[in-house]
Amino acid sequence: MRTETEGRPSEARSRLLDTATRLFYTEGIHSVGIDRIVGEAQVTRATLYRHFPGKEELVLAYLGGVDRAIRAPAEEAAAGLPPAEAILAISRSIAQGIQSEGFRGCAFLNAAAEYPDPESPVRKAVIAHRQWFLDTVTGLLAQIREDGAEPAGRHFVMMRDGAMAAGCLFDPELISDTFLHGVERLLEVYTTSGGTTSAGA
């Protein structure tokens, strides 16, 4: 027999988080109130506060879910492929996201724009995710050639950020192709010129 903790509350939590994730990503965090989330998730305020003490905790859970969704394919690629191929696999995953239905840019960059206070737990979650991503890419590049891995990693992240921003404003297929070409060029230059990372070189 399932207990209340194992049954309905977890189902309600999933509905709350799924609803918050959809609304926060498509409409923005500050523009979506608790009443809207509770109404669309079809739960009571008491149920929400049983799982999330406040909106900030719900936002952090939302970002945590996005973080896990991004980490899984990246870590799988990093563990199972040669470093250059892993970087290309991560890049293709990013390009697929840009071309997906309802794409609205990077959830973490969007959240950072709404939470400028560096002491905010939400802002810290954004920074932690981005540091993990930079470290992952830099670590893969260092396996190819240690010299120049850090600037090359930053270059990759900047290209990724630009593609994520442009992908919801312009033709996503064109943006994805441009991003992937840039990554291929960065890898080509990085692996053949002693760590120089200018993709336009």
N, C-alpha and C. Protein backbone atom coordinates (compact mmCIF):
# COMPACT_ATOMS: atom_id res chain seq x y z
N MET A 1 0.85 -1.20 0.00
CA MET A 1 0.00 0.00 0.00
C MET A 1 0.88 1.25 0.00
N ARG A 2 0.59 2.21 -0.88
CA ARG A 2 1.39 3.43 -0.97
C ARG A 2 0.94 4.42 0.08
N THR A 3 1.92 5.06 0.67
CA THR A 3 1.61 6.09 1.65
C THR A 3 1.30 7.39 0.94
N GLU A 4 0.80 8.36 1.71
CA GLU A 4 0.50 9.67 1.11
C GLU A 4 1.76 10.31 0.58
N THR A 5 2.89 10.11 1.30
CA THR A 5 4.14 10.70 0.85
C THR A 5 4.60 10.09 -0.46
N GLU A 6 4.34 8.78 -0.64
CA GLU A 6 4.77 8.11 -1.85
C GLU A 6 3.79 8.31 -2.99
N GLY A 7 2.56 8.70 -2.69
CA GLY A 7 1.53 8.77 -3.71
C GLY A 7 1.24 10.17 -4.18
N ARG A 8 0.09 10.69 -3.76
CA ARG A 8 -0.41 11.94 -4.32
C ARG A 8 0.52 13.14 -4.18
N PRO A 9 1.17 13.33 -3.02
CA PRO A 9 2.04 14.50 -2.94
C PRO A 9 3.13 14.53 -4.00
N SER A 10 3.77 13.39 -4.30
CA SER A 10 4.81 13.38 -5.31
C SER A 10 4.22 13.66 -6.69
N GLU A 11 3.02 13.16 -6.93
CA GLU A 11 2.35 13.46 -8.20
C GLU A 11 2.03 14.95 -8.28
N ALA A 12 1.56 15.51 -7.18
CA ALA A 12 1.27 16.94 -7.15
C ALA A 12 2.54 17.76 -7.34
N ARG A 13 3.63 17.31 -6.70
CA ARG A 13 4.91 18.01 -6.86
C ARG A 13 5.35 18.01 -8.32
N SER A 14 5.18 16.88 -8.98
CA SER A 14 5.54 16.80 -10.40
C SER A 14 4.70 17.76 -11.24
N ARG A 15 3.41 17.82 -10.95
CA ARG A 15 2.55 18.75 -11.69
C ARG A 15 2.96 20.19 -11.45
N LEU A 16 3.25 20.50 -10.20
CA LEU A 16 3.70 21.86 -9.87
C LEU A 16 4.98 22.22 -10.62
N LEU A 17 5.93 21.30 -10.57
CA LEU A 17 7.22 21.59 -11.18
C LEU A 17 7.11 21.62 -12.71
N ASP A 18 6.33 20.73 -13.28
CA ASP A 18 6.13 20.74 -14.73
C ASP A 18 5.46 22.04 -15.17
N THR A 19 4.46 22.47 -14.40
CA THR A 19 3.75 23.71 -14.73
C THR A 19 4.68 24.91 -14.59
N ALA A 20 5.41 24.97 -13.49
CA ALA A 20 6.33 26.07 -13.27
C ALA A 20 7.41 26.11 -14.35
N THR A 21 7.93 24.95 -14.71
CA THR A 21 8.96 24.88 -15.75
C THR A 21 8.45 25.45 -17.07
N ARG A 22 7.26 25.04 -17.45
CA ARG A 22 6.69 25.53 -18.71
C ARG A 22 6.47 27.04 -18.67
N LEU A 23 5.87 27.51 -17.58
CA LEU A 23 5.55 28.94 -17.50
C LEU A 23 6.79 29.81 -17.31
N PHE A 24 7.70 29.40 -16.44
CA PHE A 24 8.91 30.18 -16.22
C PHE A 24 9.71 30.31 -17.51
N TYR A 25 9.81 29.22 -18.26
CA TYR A 25 10.63 29.25 -19.46
C TYR A 25 9.98 30.06 -20.58
N THR A 26 8.67 29.91 -20.75
CA THR A 26 8.02 30.57 -21.87
C THR A 26 7.65 32.02 -21.59
N GLU A 27 7.39 32.36 -20.30
CA GLU A 27 6.88 33.69 -20.00
C GLU A 27 7.78 34.51 -19.08
N GLY A 28 8.76 33.88 -18.48
CA GLY A 28 9.63 34.59 -17.55
C GLY A 28 9.25 34.27 -16.11
N ILE A 29 10.23 34.34 -15.24
CA ILE A 29 10.01 33.93 -13.85
C ILE A 29 9.20 34.97 -13.09
N HIS A 30 9.60 36.22 -13.14
CA HIS A 30 8.93 37.25 -12.35
C HIS A 30 7.51 37.52 -12.82
N SER A 31 7.23 37.25 -14.09
CA SER A 31 5.90 37.55 -14.62
C SER A 31 4.87 36.48 -14.25
N VAL A 32 5.32 35.36 -13.72
CA VAL A 32 4.41 34.26 -13.38
C VAL A 32 4.27 34.17 -11.87
N GLY A 33 3.05 34.36 -11.38
CA GLY A 33 2.81 34.33 -9.95
C GLY A 33 2.44 32.95 -9.44
N ILE A 34 2.50 32.81 -8.14
CA ILE A 34 2.17 31.55 -7.50
C ILE A 34 0.73 31.13 -7.80
N ASP A 35 -0.21 32.07 -7.78
CA ASP A 35 -1.61 31.74 -8.05
C ASP A 35 -1.78 31.12 -9.43
N ARG A 36 -1.05 31.64 -10.40
CA ARG A 36 -1.12 31.09 -11.76
C ARG A 36 -0.62 29.65 -11.78
N ILE A 37 0.48 29.40 -11.12
CA ILE A 37 1.06 28.06 -11.10
C ILE A 37 0.12 27.08 -10.39
N VAL A 38 -0.38 27.50 -9.23
CA VAL A 38 -1.30 26.65 -8.46
C VAL A 38 -2.55 26.32 -9.28
N GLY A 39 -3.09 27.33 -9.97
CA GLY A 39 -4.29 27.13 -10.75
C GLY A 39 -4.07 26.17 -11.91
N GLU A 40 -3.00 26.36 -12.64
CA GLU A 40 -2.77 25.51 -13.81
C GLU A 40 -2.32 24.10 -13.42
N ALA A 41 -1.67 23.98 -12.27
CA ALA A 41 -1.27 22.65 -11.79
C ALA A 41 -2.42 21.94 -11.09
N GLN A 42 -3.49 22.66 -10.82
CA GLN A 42 -4.68 22.10 -10.17
C GLN A 42 -4.35 21.51 -8.79
N VAL A 43 -3.67 22.34 -8.00
CA VAL A 43 -3.37 21.97 -6.62
C VAL A 43 -3.74 23.17 -5.74
N THR A 44 -3.70 22.96 -4.44
CA THR A 44 -3.95 24.06 -3.52
C THR A 44 -2.64 24.75 -3.15
N ARG A 45 -2.78 25.96 -2.59
CA ARG A 45 -1.58 26.65 -2.09
C ARG A 45 -0.91 25.83 -0.99
N ALA A 46 -1.71 25.19 -0.17
CA ALA A 46 -1.14 24.38 0.91
C ALA A 46 -0.28 23.26 0.34
N THR A 47 -0.73 22.66 -0.75
CA THR A 47 0.05 21.60 -1.39
C THR A 47 1.36 22.15 -1.93
N LEU A 48 1.30 23.31 -2.55
CA LEU A 48 2.52 23.90 -3.07
C LEU A 48 3.53 24.14 -1.95
N TYR A 49 3.06 24.76 -0.86
CA TYR A 49 3.99 25.09 0.22
C TYR A 49 4.46 23.86 0.99
N ARG A 50 3.75 22.74 0.83
CA ARG A 50 4.24 21.51 1.44
C ARG A 50 5.47 20.99 0.71
N HIS A 51 5.55 21.29 -0.57
CA HIS A 51 6.68 20.82 -1.37
C HIS A 51 7.73 21.89 -1.60
N PHE A 52 7.30 23.15 -1.68
CA PHE A 52 8.21 24.26 -1.94
C PHE A 52 7.87 25.38 -0.97
N PRO A 53 8.73 25.69 -0.01
CA PRO A 53 8.43 26.70 1.00
C PRO A 53 8.10 28.08 0.41
N GLY A 54 8.60 28.35 -0.78
CA GLY A 54 8.32 29.64 -1.41
C GLY A 54 8.63 29.58 -2.89
N LYS A 55 8.40 30.69 -3.58
CA LYS A 55 8.63 30.71 -5.01
C LYS A 55 10.10 30.49 -5.35
N GLU A 56 10.99 31.02 -4.53
CA GLU A 56 12.41 30.87 -4.82
C GLU A 56 12.80 29.39 -4.88
N GLU A 57 12.27 28.59 -3.96
CA GLU A 57 12.58 27.16 -3.97
C GLU A 57 12.03 26.49 -5.23
N LEU A 58 10.90 26.96 -5.70
CA LEU A 58 10.33 26.42 -6.93
C LEU A 58 11.20 26.81 -8.13
N VAL A 59 11.68 28.03 -8.13
CA VAL A 59 12.58 28.47 -9.20
C VAL A 59 13.86 27.63 -9.19
N LEU A 60 14.41 27.38 -8.01
CA LEU A 60 15.63 26.59 -7.92
C LEU A 60 15.39 25.15 -8.38
N ALA A 61 14.22 24.61 -8.08
CA ALA A 61 13.89 23.26 -8.55
C ALA A 61 13.76 23.24 -10.07
N TYR A 62 13.17 24.28 -10.62
CA TYR A 62 13.06 24.42 -12.08
C TYR A 62 14.45 24.43 -12.72
N LEU A 63 15.34 25.26 -12.20
CA LEU A 63 16.68 25.34 -12.77
C LEU A 63 17.45 24.04 -12.55
N GLY A 64 17.19 23.38 -11.42
CA GLY A 64 17.84 22.10 -11.17
C GLY A 64 17.45 21.06 -12.20
N GLY A 65 16.17 21.06 -12.60
CA GLY A 65 15.72 20.14 -13.62
C GLY A 65 16.35 20.43 -14.97
N VAL A 66 16.45 21.71 -15.32
CA VAL A 66 17.10 22.09 -16.58
C VAL A 66 18.57 21.69 -16.54
N ASP A 67 19.21 21.93 -15.41
CA ASP A 67 20.62 21.56 -15.25
C ASP A 67 20.82 20.06 -15.49
N ARG A 68 19.99 19.24 -14.90
CA ARG A 68 20.13 17.79 -15.07
C ARG A 68 19.91 17.38 -16.52
N ALA A 69 18.96 18.02 -17.18
CA ALA A 69 18.66 17.69 -18.57
C ALA A 69 19.83 18.03 -19.48
N ILE A 70 20.58 19.07 -19.14
CA ILE A 70 21.74 19.46 -19.95
C ILE A 70 22.96 18.60 -19.59
N ARG A 71 23.12 18.31 -18.31
CA ARG A 71 24.28 17.54 -17.88
C ARG A 71 24.28 16.12 -18.43
N ALA A 72 23.13 15.49 -18.46
CA ALA A 72 23.07 14.07 -18.82
C ALA A 72 23.73 13.77 -20.16
N PRO A 73 23.31 14.42 -21.27
CA PRO A 73 23.95 14.10 -22.55
C PRO A 73 25.41 14.57 -22.61
N ALA A 74 25.71 15.68 -21.94
CA ALA A 74 27.09 16.17 -21.95
C ALA A 74 28.03 15.21 -21.24
N GLU A 75 27.61 14.73 -20.08
CA GLU A 75 28.45 13.80 -19.33
C GLU A 75 28.54 12.44 -20.03
N GLU A 76 27.46 12.03 -20.67
CA GLU A 76 27.51 10.79 -21.44
C GLU A 76 28.50 10.90 -22.59
N ALA A 77 28.46 12.04 -23.29
CA ALA A 77 29.39 12.25 -24.40
C ALA A 77 30.83 12.30 -23.90
N ALA A 78 31.05 13.02 -22.80
CA ALA A 78 32.40 13.17 -22.27
C ALA A 78 32.98 11.84 -21.82
N ALA A 79 32.11 10.95 -21.32
CA ALA A 79 32.58 9.66 -20.81
C ALA A 79 32.76 8.62 -21.90
N GLY A 80 32.04 8.76 -23.00
CA GLY A 80 32.01 7.69 -23.98
C GLY A 80 32.65 7.97 -25.32
N LEU A 81 33.10 9.21 -25.54
CA LEU A 81 33.65 9.58 -26.84
C LEU A 81 35.03 10.22 -26.69
N PRO A 82 35.86 10.15 -27.75
CA PRO A 82 37.09 10.93 -27.75
C PRO A 82 36.75 12.41 -27.57
N PRO A 83 37.65 13.21 -26.99
CA PRO A 83 37.29 14.58 -26.60
C PRO A 83 36.75 15.46 -27.73
N ALA A 84 37.36 15.43 -28.90
CA ALA A 84 36.86 16.27 -29.99
C ALA A 84 35.46 15.83 -30.42
N GLU A 85 35.24 14.52 -30.48
CA GLU A 85 33.91 14.02 -30.84
C GLU A 85 32.89 14.34 -29.76
N ALA A 86 33.33 14.32 -28.51
CA ALA A 86 32.42 14.67 -27.41
C ALA A 86 31.99 16.13 -27.52
N ILE A 87 32.93 17.01 -27.84
CA ILE A 87 32.58 18.43 -28.00
C ILE A 87 31.61 18.61 -29.16
N LEU A 88 31.82 17.88 -30.24
CA LEU A 88 30.89 17.97 -31.37
C LEU A 88 29.52 17.41 -31.00
N ALA A 89 29.49 16.34 -30.21
CA ALA A 89 28.21 15.78 -29.78
C ALA A 89 27.46 16.76 -28.89
N ILE A 90 28.17 17.40 -27.97
CA ILE A 90 27.55 18.43 -27.12
C ILE A 90 27.02 19.57 -27.98
N SER A 91 27.79 19.95 -28.99
CA SER A 91 27.38 21.04 -29.87
C SER A 91 26.13 20.68 -30.66
N ARG A 92 26.07 19.45 -31.13
CA ARG A 92 24.89 19.02 -31.88
C ARG A 92 23.66 18.99 -30.97
N SER A 93 23.85 18.62 -29.70
CA SER A 93 22.74 18.65 -28.76
C SER A 93 22.24 20.07 -28.55
N ILE A 94 23.15 21.01 -28.47
CA ILE A 94 22.77 22.42 -28.34
C ILE A 94 22.00 22.87 -29.58
N ALA A 95 22.50 22.50 -30.76
CA ALA A 95 21.84 22.88 -32.01
C ALA A 95 20.44 22.29 -32.10
N GLN A 96 20.28 21.05 -31.66
CA GLN A 96 18.95 20.43 -31.66
C GLN A 96 18.00 21.19 -30.74
N GLY A 97 18.52 21.63 -29.59
CA GLY A 97 17.70 22.41 -28.67
C GLY A 97 17.24 23.72 -29.28
N ILE A 98 18.15 24.38 -29.98
CA ILE A 98 17.83 25.65 -30.63
C ILE A 98 16.72 25.47 -31.66
N GLN A 99 16.71 24.33 -32.33
CA GLN A 99 15.71 24.09 -33.37
C GLN A 99 14.44 23.43 -32.84
N SER A 100 14.37 23.19 -31.53
CA SER A 100 13.20 22.53 -30.97
C SER A 100 12.02 23.49 -30.89
N GLU A 101 10.83 22.94 -30.90
CA GLU A 101 9.61 23.74 -30.83
C GLU A 101 9.54 24.47 -29.48
N GLY A 102 9.18 25.74 -29.51
CA GLY A 102 9.03 26.51 -28.29
C GLY A 102 10.33 27.00 -27.69
N PHE A 103 11.43 26.94 -28.46
CA PHE A 103 12.72 27.39 -27.93
C PHE A 103 12.66 28.87 -27.59
N ARG A 104 13.10 29.21 -26.39
CA ARG A 104 13.08 30.60 -25.91
C ARG A 104 14.43 31.02 -25.35
N GLY A 105 15.49 30.44 -25.87
CA GLY A 105 16.82 30.82 -25.39
C GLY A 105 17.27 29.96 -24.22
N CYS A 106 18.38 30.37 -23.62
CA CYS A 106 18.96 29.63 -22.51
C CYS A 106 18.22 29.94 -21.22
N ALA A 107 17.71 28.92 -20.56
CA ALA A 107 16.97 29.12 -19.31
C ALA A 107 17.83 29.80 -18.25
N PHE A 108 19.13 29.52 -18.25
CA PHE A 108 20.01 30.09 -17.23
C PHE A 108 20.34 31.55 -17.53
N LEU A 109 20.58 31.88 -18.79
CA LEU A 109 20.79 33.29 -19.13
C LEU A 109 19.53 34.10 -18.89
N ASN A 110 18.38 33.50 -19.21
CA ASN A 110 17.12 34.19 -18.95
C ASN A 110 16.94 34.45 -17.46
N ALA A 111 17.25 33.45 -16.64
CA ALA A 111 17.12 33.62 -15.19
C ALA A 111 18.11 34.65 -14.66
N ALA A 112 19.32 34.65 -15.21
CA ALA A 112 20.34 35.62 -14.77
C ALA A 112 19.87 37.04 -15.02
N ALA A 113 19.17 37.26 -16.13
CA ALA A 113 18.68 38.59 -16.44
C ALA A 113 17.63 39.06 -15.44
N GLU A 114 16.92 38.11 -14.83
CA GLU A 114 15.87 38.45 -13.86
C GLU A 114 16.38 38.50 -12.43
N TYR A 115 17.56 37.96 -12.19
CA TYR A 115 18.13 37.92 -10.84
C TYR A 115 19.55 38.47 -10.87
N PRO A 116 19.70 39.80 -10.92
CA PRO A 116 21.03 40.39 -11.02
C PRO A 116 21.86 40.37 -9.74
N ASP A 117 21.20 40.19 -8.59
CA ASP A 117 21.91 40.22 -7.31
C ASP A 117 22.86 39.03 -7.21
N PRO A 118 24.18 39.24 -7.11
CA PRO A 118 25.12 38.12 -7.04
C PRO A 118 24.94 37.24 -5.82
N GLU A 119 24.25 37.74 -4.79
CA GLU A 119 24.03 36.94 -3.58
C GLU A 119 22.74 36.12 -3.64
N SER A 120 21.95 36.32 -4.68
CA SER A 120 20.71 35.57 -4.81
C SER A 120 21.01 34.09 -5.02
N PRO A 121 20.29 33.19 -4.32
CA PRO A 121 20.47 31.75 -4.56
C PRO A 121 20.21 31.36 -6.01
N VAL A 122 19.29 32.06 -6.66
CA VAL A 122 19.01 31.76 -8.07
C VAL A 122 20.21 32.14 -8.92
N ARG A 123 20.76 33.32 -8.69
CA ARG A 123 21.94 33.75 -9.43
C ARG A 123 23.11 32.79 -9.19
N LYS A 124 23.27 32.34 -7.96
CA LYS A 124 24.34 31.39 -7.65
C LYS A 124 24.14 30.06 -8.37
N ALA A 125 22.89 29.64 -8.50
CA ALA A 125 22.61 28.41 -9.24
C ALA A 125 22.97 28.56 -10.71
N VAL A 126 22.69 29.73 -11.26
CA VAL A 126 23.06 30.02 -12.65
C VAL A 126 24.57 29.94 -12.81
N ILE A 127 25.31 30.60 -11.93
CA ILE A 127 26.76 30.63 -12.02
C ILE A 127 27.33 29.23 -11.86
N ALA A 128 26.78 28.44 -10.95
CA ALA A 128 27.27 27.08 -10.73
C ALA A 128 27.09 26.23 -11.99
N HIS A 129 25.94 26.37 -12.64
CA HIS A 129 25.70 25.61 -13.86
C HIS A 129 26.68 26.03 -14.95
N ARG A 130 26.85 27.31 -15.10
CA ARG A 130 27.73 27.79 -16.16
C ARG A 130 29.19 27.42 -15.89
N GLN A 131 29.57 27.41 -14.62
CA GLN A 131 30.94 26.99 -14.30
C GLN A 131 31.14 25.52 -14.62
N TRP A 132 30.13 24.70 -14.30
CA TRP A 132 30.21 23.28 -14.67
C TRP A 132 30.37 23.12 -16.18
N PHE A 133 29.57 23.86 -16.95
CA PHE A 133 29.62 23.72 -18.41
C PHE A 133 30.98 24.15 -18.94
N LEU A 134 31.49 25.28 -18.47
CA LEU A 134 32.81 25.74 -18.89
C LEU A 134 33.88 24.73 -18.51
N ASP A 135 33.82 24.21 -17.28
CA ASP A 135 34.81 23.23 -16.83
C ASP A 135 34.76 21.96 -17.68
N THR A 136 33.54 21.54 -18.05
CA THR A 136 33.39 20.33 -18.86
C THR A 136 34.04 20.49 -20.22
N VAL A 137 33.73 21.61 -20.87
CA VAL A 137 34.29 21.85 -22.21
C VAL A 137 35.80 22.05 -22.13
N THR A 138 36.24 22.83 -21.14
CA THR A 138 37.67 23.07 -20.99
C THR A 138 38.42 21.76 -20.71
N GLY A 139 37.82 20.90 -19.89
CA GLY A 139 38.45 19.61 -19.59
C GLY A 139 38.59 18.76 -20.84
N LEU A 140 37.58 18.76 -21.69
CA LEU A 140 37.67 18.00 -22.94
C LEU A 140 38.75 18.58 -23.85
N LEU A 141 38.81 19.90 -23.94
CA LEU A 141 39.84 20.53 -24.77
C LEU A 141 41.24 20.23 -24.23
N ALA A 142 41.37 20.20 -22.92
CA ALA A 142 42.68 19.92 -22.32
C ALA A 142 43.14 18.51 -22.62
N GLN A 143 42.21 17.60 -22.88
CA GLN A 143 42.60 16.25 -23.27
C GLN A 143 43.19 16.22 -24.68
N ILE A 144 42.80 17.20 -25.48
CA ILE A 144 43.35 17.31 -26.83
C ILE A 144 44.71 18.00 -26.77
N ARG A 145 44.74 19.12 -26.09
CA ARG A 145 45.98 19.90 -25.93
C ARG A 145 45.79 20.80 -24.72
N GLU A 146 46.65 20.64 -23.72
CA GLU A 146 46.48 21.40 -22.48
C GLU A 146 46.71 22.89 -22.68
N ASP A 147 47.71 23.23 -23.48
CA ASP A 147 48.02 24.64 -23.71
C ASP A 147 46.88 25.31 -24.47
N GLY A 148 46.31 26.35 -23.88
CA GLY A 148 45.24 27.09 -24.53
C GLY A 148 43.84 26.56 -24.28
N ALA A 149 43.71 25.55 -23.41
CA ALA A 149 42.39 24.97 -23.19
C ALA A 149 41.42 25.97 -22.57
N GLU A 150 41.88 26.78 -21.63
CA GLU A 150 40.97 27.72 -20.95
C GLU A 150 40.41 28.77 -21.90
N PRO A 151 41.26 29.48 -22.67
CA PRO A 151 40.67 30.45 -23.61
C PRO A 151 39.81 29.79 -24.68
N ALA A 152 40.19 28.60 -25.11
CA ALA A 152 39.36 27.90 -26.10
C ALA A 152 38.01 27.53 -25.50
N GLY A 153 38.00 27.11 -24.23
CA GLY A 153 36.74 26.80 -23.56
C GLY A 153 35.85 28.03 -23.45
N ARG A 154 36.45 29.16 -23.09
CA ARG A 154 35.65 30.40 -23.01
C ARG A 154 35.11 30.78 -24.38
N HIS A 155 35.92 30.58 -25.40
CA HIS A 155 35.49 30.87 -26.77
C HIS A 155 34.27 30.02 -27.13
N PHE A 156 34.34 28.74 -26.79
CA PHE A 156 33.21 27.84 -27.08
C PHE A 156 31.96 28.32 -26.36
N VAL A 157 32.07 28.64 -25.08
CA VAL A 157 30.90 29.06 -24.31
C VAL A 157 30.32 30.35 -24.88
N MET A 158 31.17 31.26 -25.32
CA MET A 158 30.66 32.51 -25.91
C MET A 158 29.92 32.23 -27.21
N MET A 159 30.43 31.32 -28.02
CA MET A 159 29.71 30.96 -29.24
C MET A 159 28.37 30.32 -28.90
N ARG A 160 28.38 29.46 -27.89
CA ARG A 160 27.14 28.82 -27.47
C ARG A 160 26.14 29.85 -26.98
N ASP A 161 26.60 30.81 -26.17
CA ASP A 161 25.69 31.84 -25.66
C ASP A 161 25.11 32.66 -26.81
N GLY A 162 25.95 33.02 -27.77
CA GLY A 162 25.47 33.78 -28.91
C GLY A 162 24.44 33.02 -29.71
N ALA A 163 24.68 31.73 -29.91
CA ALA A 163 23.74 30.90 -30.66
C ALA A 163 22.41 30.77 -29.92
N MET A 164 22.48 30.61 -28.60
CA MET A 164 21.25 30.48 -27.81
C MET A 164 20.44 31.77 -27.85
N ALA A 165 21.12 32.91 -27.82
CA ALA A 165 20.41 34.20 -27.87
C ALA A 165 19.82 34.44 -29.24
N ALA A 166 20.59 34.14 -30.30
CA ALA A 166 20.13 34.40 -31.66
C ALA A 166 19.10 33.38 -32.12
N GLY A 167 19.15 32.19 -31.54
CA GLY A 167 18.28 31.12 -32.02
C GLY A 167 16.80 31.36 -31.83
N CYS A 168 16.44 32.23 -30.88
CA CYS A 168 15.02 32.53 -30.69
C CYS A 168 14.63 33.85 -31.35
N LEU A 169 15.57 34.46 -32.07
CA LEU A 169 15.29 35.72 -32.75
C LEU A 169 15.34 35.59 -34.28
N PHE A 170 16.17 34.68 -34.76
CA PHE A 170 16.38 34.52 -36.19
C PHE A 170 16.13 33.08 -36.58
N ASP A 171 16.40 32.75 -37.82
CA ASP A 171 16.18 31.39 -38.33
C ASP A 171 17.01 30.40 -37.50
N PRO A 172 16.35 29.53 -36.74
CA PRO A 172 17.10 28.63 -35.86
C PRO A 172 17.99 27.64 -36.62
N GLU A 173 17.57 27.23 -37.81
CA GLU A 173 18.41 26.31 -38.58
C GLU A 173 19.69 26.99 -39.03
N LEU A 174 19.56 28.23 -39.50
CA LEU A 174 20.74 29.00 -39.92
C LEU A 174 21.67 29.24 -38.73
N ILE A 175 21.10 29.62 -37.59
CA ILE A 175 21.90 29.87 -36.40
C ILE A 175 22.63 28.59 -35.97
N SER A 176 21.93 27.47 -35.99
CA SER A 176 22.54 26.19 -35.61
C SER A 176 23.69 25.83 -36.54
N ASP A 177 23.48 26.00 -37.85
CA ASP A 177 24.53 25.69 -38.81
C ASP A 177 25.75 26.59 -38.59
N THR A 178 25.50 27.87 -38.33
CA THR A 178 26.60 28.80 -38.08
C THR A 178 27.36 28.42 -36.82
N PHE A 179 26.63 28.07 -35.77
CA PHE A 179 27.26 27.66 -34.52
C PHE A 179 28.11 26.40 -34.73
N LEU A 180 27.57 25.39 -35.38
CA LEU A 180 28.30 24.15 -35.58
C LEU A 180 29.53 24.37 -36.45
N HIS A 181 29.41 25.22 -37.46
CA HIS A 181 30.57 25.54 -38.28
C HIS A 181 31.64 26.23 -37.44
N GLY A 182 31.22 27.12 -36.55
CA GLY A 182 32.17 27.79 -35.68
C GLY A 182 32.89 26.83 -34.75
N VAL A 183 32.15 25.86 -34.22
CA VAL A 183 32.77 24.86 -33.34
C VAL A 183 33.76 24.01 -34.11
N GLU A 184 33.38 23.58 -35.29
CA GLU A 184 34.29 22.78 -36.12
C GLU A 184 35.56 23.56 -36.43
N ARG A 185 35.40 24.84 -36.74
CA ARG A 185 36.57 25.68 -37.05
C ARG A 185 37.44 25.89 -35.82
N LEU A 186 36.81 26.09 -34.66
CA LEU A 186 37.57 26.25 -33.43
C LEU A 186 38.40 24.99 -33.15
N LEU A 187 37.79 23.83 -33.30
CA LEU A 187 38.51 22.58 -33.07
C LEU A 187 39.63 22.39 -34.07
N GLU A 188 39.37 22.75 -35.31
CA GLU A 188 40.39 22.62 -36.35
C GLU A 188 41.60 23.48 -36.03
N VAL A 189 41.34 24.73 -35.68
CA VAL A 189 42.43 25.65 -35.37
C VAL A 189 43.13 25.23 -34.08
N TYR A 190 42.34 24.83 -33.09
CA TYR A 190 42.91 24.47 -31.80
C TYR A 190 43.83 23.27 -31.89
N THR A 191 43.44 22.30 -32.70
CA THR A 191 44.23 21.07 -32.77
C THR A 191 45.42 21.16 -33.72
N THR A 192 45.51 22.24 -34.48
CA THR A 192 46.59 22.32 -35.48
C THR A 192 47.51 23.50 -35.31
N SER A 193 47.20 24.41 -34.35
CA SER A 193 48.02 25.63 -34.28
C SER A 193 48.47 25.95 -32.86
N GLY A 194 48.75 24.93 -32.10
CA GLY A 194 49.35 25.16 -30.79
C GLY A 194 48.46 25.84 -29.81
N GLY A 195 47.13 25.66 -29.94
CA GLY A 195 46.22 26.22 -28.94
C GLY A 195 45.61 27.54 -29.33
N THR A 196 46.00 28.13 -30.49
CA THR A 196 45.36 29.36 -30.94
C THR A 196 43.89 29.07 -31.20
N THR A 197 43.01 29.96 -30.76
CA THR A 197 41.58 29.61 -30.79
C THR A 197 40.73 30.56 -31.60
N SER A 198 41.30 31.39 -32.42
CA SER A 198 40.48 32.32 -33.18
C SER A 198 39.83 31.56 -34.33
N ALA A 199 38.50 31.38 -34.25
CA ALA A 199 37.79 30.61 -35.27
C ALA A 199 37.82 31.29 -36.61
N GLY A 200 38.11 32.57 -36.63
CA GLY A 200 38.16 33.28 -37.90
C GLY A 200 39.54 33.28 -38.51
N ALA A 201 40.53 32.64 -37.83
CA ALA A 201 41.90 32.68 -38.32
C ALA A 201 42.05 31.86 -39.58
